[in-house]
Protein backbone atom coordinates (compact mmCIF):
# COMPACT_ATOMS: atom_id res chain seq x y z
CA MET A 1 0.01 0.01 0.00
CA ALA A 2 2.82 2.44 0.85
CA PHE A 3 4.59 1.69 -2.46
CA PHE A 4 1.30 2.35 -4.34
CA HIS A 5 0.67 5.62 -2.46
CA ALA A 6 4.19 6.83 -3.07
CA TRP A 7 3.82 6.17 -6.80
CA ARG A 8 0.52 8.05 -7.03
CA PHE A 9 1.98 10.98 -5.07
CA THR A 10 5.05 11.32 -7.25
CA HIS A 11 3.60 10.43 -10.66
CA PHE A 12 0.89 12.40 -12.44
CA SER A 13 -1.64 10.55 -14.60
CA ASN A 14 -2.29 11.32 -18.20
CA GLU A 15 -6.02 11.57 -17.66
CA PRO A 16 -8.42 14.58 -17.41
CA GLY A 17 -9.94 15.44 -14.16
CA VAL A 18 -9.20 17.25 -10.86
CA HIS A 19 -6.74 16.44 -8.13
CA SER A 20 -8.04 14.90 -4.94
CA PRO A 21 -9.09 17.63 -2.44
CA ASN A 22 -6.64 18.71 0.23
CA PRO A 23 -6.56 16.30 3.17
CA GLU A 24 -8.17 18.78 5.57
CA GLN A 25 -11.12 19.12 3.17
CA LEU A 26 -12.07 15.44 3.05
CA SER A 27 -14.99 13.86 4.77
CA PRO A 28 -14.29 10.79 6.94
CA GLY A 29 -15.57 8.46 4.18
CA ARG A 30 -13.37 10.18 1.53
CA LYS A 31 -10.34 10.03 3.85
CA LEU A 32 -10.74 6.27 4.15
CA TRP A 33 -11.11 5.96 0.36
CA VAL A 34 -7.97 8.02 -0.26
CA LEU A 35 -6.06 5.92 2.34
CA LEU A 36 -7.08 2.72 0.52
CA THR A 37 -6.66 3.84 -3.11
CA GLY A 38 -4.28 6.77 -3.14
CA ILE A 39 -4.80 10.29 -4.33
CA ARG A 40 -6.22 11.20 -7.77
CA ASN A 41 -3.32 13.08 -9.34
CA PRO A 42 -3.83 14.19 -12.96
CA LYS A 43 -1.02 16.20 -14.55
CA PRO A 44 -1.49 19.90 -13.59
CA GLN A 45 -2.61 22.05 -16.44
CA ASN A 46 -2.14 25.74 -17.13
CA GLY A 47 -4.96 28.25 -17.00
CA PRO A 48 -5.14 31.37 -19.19
CA LYS A 49 -2.08 33.37 -20.06
CA PRO A 50 -1.43 36.47 -18.07
CA ASP A 51 -3.08 39.80 -19.06
CA PHE A 52 0.37 41.04 -20.11
CA LEU A 53 2.27 39.93 -23.26
CA VAL A 54 4.45 36.88 -22.72
CA GLU A 55 6.83 34.94 -24.98
CA THR A 56 6.67 31.18 -24.69
CA VAL A 57 10.16 29.73 -24.46
CA THR A 58 11.64 26.30 -24.00
CA ILE A 59 14.35 25.58 -21.45
CA ALA A 60 16.54 22.50 -21.66
CA SER A 61 16.64 20.73 -18.28
CA PRO A 62 18.07 17.33 -17.24
CA ASN A 63 14.40 16.43 -16.55
CA GLY A 64 13.39 17.19 -20.11
CA PRO A 65 12.23 20.33 -21.95
CA LEU A 66 10.53 22.94 -19.75
CA GLU A 67 7.98 25.42 -21.04
CA ALA A 68 8.18 28.95 -19.58
CA TRP A 69 6.65 32.37 -20.13
CA TYR A 70 9.06 35.32 -20.42
CA ALA A 71 7.93 38.94 -20.25
CA ARG A 72 9.47 42.42 -19.93
CA PRO A 73 8.04 45.43 -18.17
CA ASP A 74 5.92 47.74 -20.29
CA THR A 75 7.89 50.92 -19.66
CA GLY A 76 10.89 52.24 -17.70
CA GLN A 77 14.35 50.97 -17.02
CA VAL A 78 14.63 47.26 -16.27
CA ARG A 79 15.92 46.65 -12.78
CA GLY A 80 16.60 42.96 -13.20
CA THR A 81 14.75 39.65 -13.59
CA VAL A 82 12.52 37.56 -11.28
CA ALA A 83 12.23 33.81 -12.05
CA LEU A 84 9.12 32.24 -10.55
CA PHE A 85 8.65 28.56 -9.49
CA HIS A 86 5.27 27.10 -8.47
CA GLY A 87 4.28 24.56 -5.89
CA TYR A 88 3.24 20.91 -5.94
CA THR A 89 0.41 20.06 -8.36
CA SER A 90 0.45 23.55 -9.84
CA SER A 91 1.74 25.32 -12.92
CA LYS A 92 3.21 28.67 -14.07
CA SER A 93 -0.17 30.24 -14.74
CA HIS A 94 -0.87 30.13 -10.96
CA LEU A 95 1.92 32.74 -10.57
CA SER A 96 0.55 35.27 -13.07
CA HIS A 97 -0.54 37.72 -10.32
CA GLU A 98 2.83 37.63 -8.66
CA ALA A 99 4.63 38.10 -11.99
CA GLY A 100 2.48 41.09 -12.82
CA HIS A 101 3.49 42.67 -9.51
CA PHE A 102 7.17 42.22 -10.24
CA ARG A 103 6.78 43.62 -13.75
CA ARG A 104 5.21 46.78 -12.34
CA LEU A 105 8.29 47.10 -10.13
CA GLY A 106 10.43 47.11 -13.27
CA TYR A 107 11.61 43.48 -13.48
CA ASN A 108 11.61 41.06 -16.35
CA VAL A 109 9.79 37.85 -15.32
CA LEU A 110 10.25 34.14 -16.17
CA LEU A 111 7.41 31.81 -15.12
CA VAL A 112 8.49 28.20 -15.33
CA ASP A 113 6.49 24.95 -15.58
CA GLN A 114 8.67 22.61 -13.53
CA ALA A 115 9.15 19.06 -14.87
CA GLY A 116 5.99 17.01 -15.02
CA ASN A 117 3.73 20.04 -14.60
CA GLY A 118 1.82 22.20 -17.15
CA ASN A 119 3.33 22.04 -20.57
CA SER A 120 6.72 20.74 -19.49
CA ALA A 121 7.90 17.18 -20.31
CA GLY A 122 7.15 14.17 -18.21
CA PHE A 123 4.65 13.05 -15.51
CA ARG A 124 6.92 12.77 -12.49
CA THR A 125 7.46 15.09 -9.49
CA THR A 126 10.00 14.71 -6.73
CA VAL A 127 8.48 17.57 -4.70
CA GLY A 128 11.66 19.73 -4.86
CA TYR A 129 14.59 17.38 -5.34
CA ARG A 130 14.97 17.06 -9.14
CA GLU A 131 13.10 20.35 -9.54
CA ALA A 132 16.25 21.96 -8.36
CA ASP A 133 17.75 21.03 -11.69
CA ASP A 134 14.93 22.94 -13.31
CA VAL A 135 15.85 26.01 -11.24
CA ALA A 136 19.48 25.68 -12.27
CA ALA A 137 18.52 25.20 -15.96
CA SER A 138 16.24 28.25 -15.82
CA VAL A 139 19.05 30.39 -14.33
CA ALA A 140 21.43 29.21 -17.07
CA TRP A 141 18.88 30.07 -19.69
CA LEU A 142 18.52 33.56 -18.34
CA TYR A 143 22.24 34.13 -18.40
CA ASP A 144 22.27 33.09 -21.99
CA ASN A 145 19.16 34.99 -23.10
CA ASP A 146 18.25 37.79 -20.67
CA SER A 147 20.27 40.97 -20.79
CA ALA A 148 18.88 42.12 -17.47
CA THR A 149 20.46 39.16 -15.74
CA THR A 150 23.85 39.58 -17.40
CA LYS A 151 23.90 43.40 -17.59
CA HIS A 152 22.36 44.46 -14.27
CA HIS A 153 23.38 41.25 -12.39
CA ALA A 154 20.04 41.34 -10.55
CA LEU A 155 18.41 37.89 -10.47
CA ILE A 156 15.68 37.23 -7.92
CA LEU A 157 14.37 33.72 -7.36
CA TYR A 158 10.76 33.44 -6.15
CA GLY A 159 9.36 30.06 -5.11
CA VAL A 160 6.19 28.74 -3.42
CA SER A 161 6.28 25.61 -1.31
CA MET A 162 7.85 22.93 -3.56
CA GLY A 163 9.28 25.70 -5.74
CA ALA A 164 10.88 27.33 -2.66
CA VAL A 165 12.51 24.07 -1.63
CA ALA A 166 13.77 23.55 -5.17
CA ILE A 167 15.39 26.96 -5.11
CA MET A 168 17.05 26.17 -1.75
CA ARG A 169 18.52 22.87 -2.98
CA ALA A 170 19.67 24.55 -6.21
CA GLU A 171 21.63 27.04 -4.11
CA ALA A 172 22.91 24.56 -1.55
CA ASP A 173 23.83 21.65 -3.82
CA LEU A 174 23.99 22.99 -7.40
CA ARG A 175 25.86 26.34 -6.81
CA VAL A 176 23.16 28.56 -8.18
CA ARG A 177 23.88 32.17 -7.02
CA PRO A 178 20.98 34.66 -7.40
CA THR A 179 20.92 38.20 -6.09
CA ALA A 180 18.08 37.51 -3.68
CA ASN A 181 15.37 34.98 -2.77
CA ILE A 182 11.72 35.36 -1.85
CA LEU A 183 10.52 32.08 -0.45
CA GLU A 184 6.95 31.31 0.46
CA CYS A 185 6.05 28.40 2.85
CA PRO A 186 8.94 25.99 2.12
CA TYR A 187 8.55 22.79 4.07
CA GLY A 188 11.32 21.77 6.54
CA ASN A 189 11.99 18.25 5.25
CA MET A 190 10.27 15.53 3.35
CA ARG A 191 9.72 13.28 6.34
CA GLN A 192 8.04 16.02 8.33
CA THR A 193 5.81 17.10 5.40
CA ALA A 194 4.58 13.50 5.03
CA TYR A 195 3.70 13.44 8.72
CA ASN A 196 1.93 16.80 8.39
CA ARG A 197 -0.30 15.45 5.67
CA PHE A 198 -1.38 12.52 7.86
CA GLU A 199 -1.91 14.96 10.76
CA SER A 200 -4.19 17.13 8.58
CA MET A 201 -6.30 14.00 8.04
CA HIS A 202 -6.29 13.22 11.78
CA VAL A 203 -4.64 9.86 11.03
CA PRO A 204 -1.53 8.57 12.80
CA GLY A 205 1.53 9.07 10.58
CA PHE A 206 3.63 6.16 11.87
CA PRO A 207 4.64 3.97 10.14
CA MET A 208 2.92 4.90 6.85
CA ALA A 209 4.57 8.34 6.47
CA ASP A 210 8.04 6.87 6.77
CA LEU A 211 7.25 4.13 4.31
CA LEU A 212 5.92 6.70 1.87
CA VAL A 213 9.10 8.73 2.10
CA PHE A 214 11.27 5.64 1.66
CA TRP A 215 9.43 4.23 -1.33
CA GLY A 216 9.02 7.67 -2.95
CA GLY A 217 12.78 8.06 -2.93
CA VAL A 218 13.48 4.55 -4.14
CA GLN A 219 10.97 4.89 -7.01
CA ASN A 220 12.51 8.18 -8.16
CA GLY A 221 16.21 7.40 -7.61
CA PHE A 222 17.16 9.69 -4.62
CA TRP A 223 17.34 9.54 -0.86
CA ALA A 224 14.17 11.33 0.09
CA TYR A 225 15.12 11.66 3.76
CA GLY A 226 17.90 14.00 2.56
CA LEU A 227 15.40 16.40 1.03
CA ASN A 228 15.84 18.88 3.84
CA ALA A 229 15.30 22.62 3.48
CA GLU A 230 16.33 23.18 7.08
CA HIS A 231 19.78 21.83 6.18
CA TYR A 232 19.92 23.64 2.81
CA ALA A 233 19.29 26.96 4.59
CA SER A 234 22.60 26.73 6.44
CA GLN A 235 24.40 26.84 3.06
CA ILE A 236 22.41 29.79 1.66
CA HIS A 237 24.17 33.19 2.01
CA THR A 238 21.84 34.94 -0.48
CA PRO A 239 19.61 37.68 1.02
CA THR A 240 16.29 35.98 1.66
CA LEU A 241 12.71 36.99 2.52
CA LEU A 242 10.89 34.10 4.14
CA LEU A 243 7.03 34.24 4.23
CA TRP A 244 4.68 31.91 6.10
CA GLY A 245 1.02 31.63 7.11
CA THR A 246 0.29 30.97 10.76
CA ALA A 247 -2.68 28.63 9.87
CA ASP A 248 -0.72 26.47 7.44
CA PRO A 249 -1.53 22.84 8.12
CA ARG A 250 1.30 21.53 5.86
CA VAL A 251 4.21 23.59 7.02
CA THR A 252 4.56 24.01 10.77
CA ARG A 253 6.00 26.88 12.80
CA PRO A 254 8.96 24.85 14.07
CA GLU A 255 9.91 23.97 10.44
CA THR A 256 9.68 27.66 9.47
CA ASP A 257 11.59 28.74 12.65
CA ALA A 258 14.39 26.19 11.82
CA ILE A 259 14.73 27.38 8.23
CA PHE A 260 14.89 31.01 9.19
CA ALA A 261 17.35 30.38 12.03
CA ASN A 262 19.63 28.46 9.72
CA LEU A 263 19.70 30.90 6.78
CA ALA A 264 23.32 31.98 6.65
CA GLY A 265 22.92 35.33 4.88
CA PRO A 266 20.93 38.52 5.37
CA LYS A 267 17.27 37.58 6.02
CA ALA A 268 13.88 38.87 6.78
CA ARG A 269 10.65 37.09 7.73
CA HIS A 270 6.97 37.82 7.86
CA ASP A 271 4.16 35.66 9.23
CA PHE A 272 0.65 36.21 7.76
CA SER A 273 -1.90 35.71 10.52
CA GLY A 274 -4.64 33.19 9.92
CA VAL A 275 -3.50 32.16 6.43
CA GLY A 276 -3.02 28.55 5.39
CA HIS A 277 -1.08 26.97 2.54
CA GLU A 278 -2.28 29.41 -0.04
CA PRO A 279 -1.18 32.63 -1.86
CA TYR A 280 -0.74 35.31 0.75
CA TRP A 281 -1.62 38.12 -1.66
CA LYS A 282 -5.18 36.90 -1.79
CA ARG A 283 -5.79 37.79 1.87
CA TYR A 284 -3.12 40.43 2.47
CA SER A 285 -2.65 42.03 -0.95
CA ALA A 286 -1.33 45.35 0.27
CA ASP A 287 0.92 43.86 2.90
CA TRP A 288 2.32 41.27 0.47
CA GLU A 289 3.08 43.94 -2.17
CA GLN A 290 4.67 46.25 0.44
CA LEU A 291 6.85 43.47 1.90
CA THR A 292 8.23 42.33 -1.46
CA ARG A 293 8.64 45.87 -2.73
CA ALA A 294 10.60 46.95 0.35
CA PHE A 295 12.78 43.86 0.24
CA LEU A 296 13.64 44.41 -3.43
CA ALA A 297 14.38 48.06 -2.76
CA GLU A 298 17.35 47.18 -0.60
CA PRO A 299 20.73 48.23 -2.13
CA GLY A 300 22.04 45.75 -4.72
CA ARG A 301 18.69 44.27 -5.62
């Protein structure tokens, strides 16, 4: 059963339909059904393109070709580039609002479908491990094709949940060196995030969560217990803004505290009261915009 669940969690199906609801949204009967059969996990699809003009580009990654949207600001001097990376079971179109905000601040933007998601190749996700290769490939593409990155040397990496963890591993293990990071709700480590999902269903995590982590790593060729953002943070000297919601059932306060404490470079943090594992701008639009604007206004960014 654990082997089957791990496969369903890390492999998207090539069938239409919607993803299983979040664990905290399931009725008792549906929870039992999901525990017995695994989640429904169709490949995430993109929604409409942003309301600003984008160029669709292809990025070569070790995980296969990635599709991304690239756009420049409408007017004014370009300050740099922001590359955006989505969360688990998502796609680049879900970051259109954030990208629009960064464009208004004068940045080029690159919205990336990570491997297995949206219009990028494959049907597999490793929840941040191999996605770090997608981050590194996207940065390399920008240095080859984006004058703002090479000319102004201002490259900001923005990631949500899985995307944030992928950024952290790219910096810690793959020597990616951006100008700054904006990280929303990165989970502390793969083992803890598995336990958190069982906790949100009010089901004991032991031993199923550990078996899921073990088999998920075996099936995808990596040691999943080593997928640890708390450890990656200690190797990150890049200025970083860490954002978290106090009602997040999937990323706990101790995980966020450990990541923030371990970040080795200049850092700032903001907790959004009463917000779960969701885009913070939807509940706190003005605060989110002010925080990101002020962080990017620091000298050198």
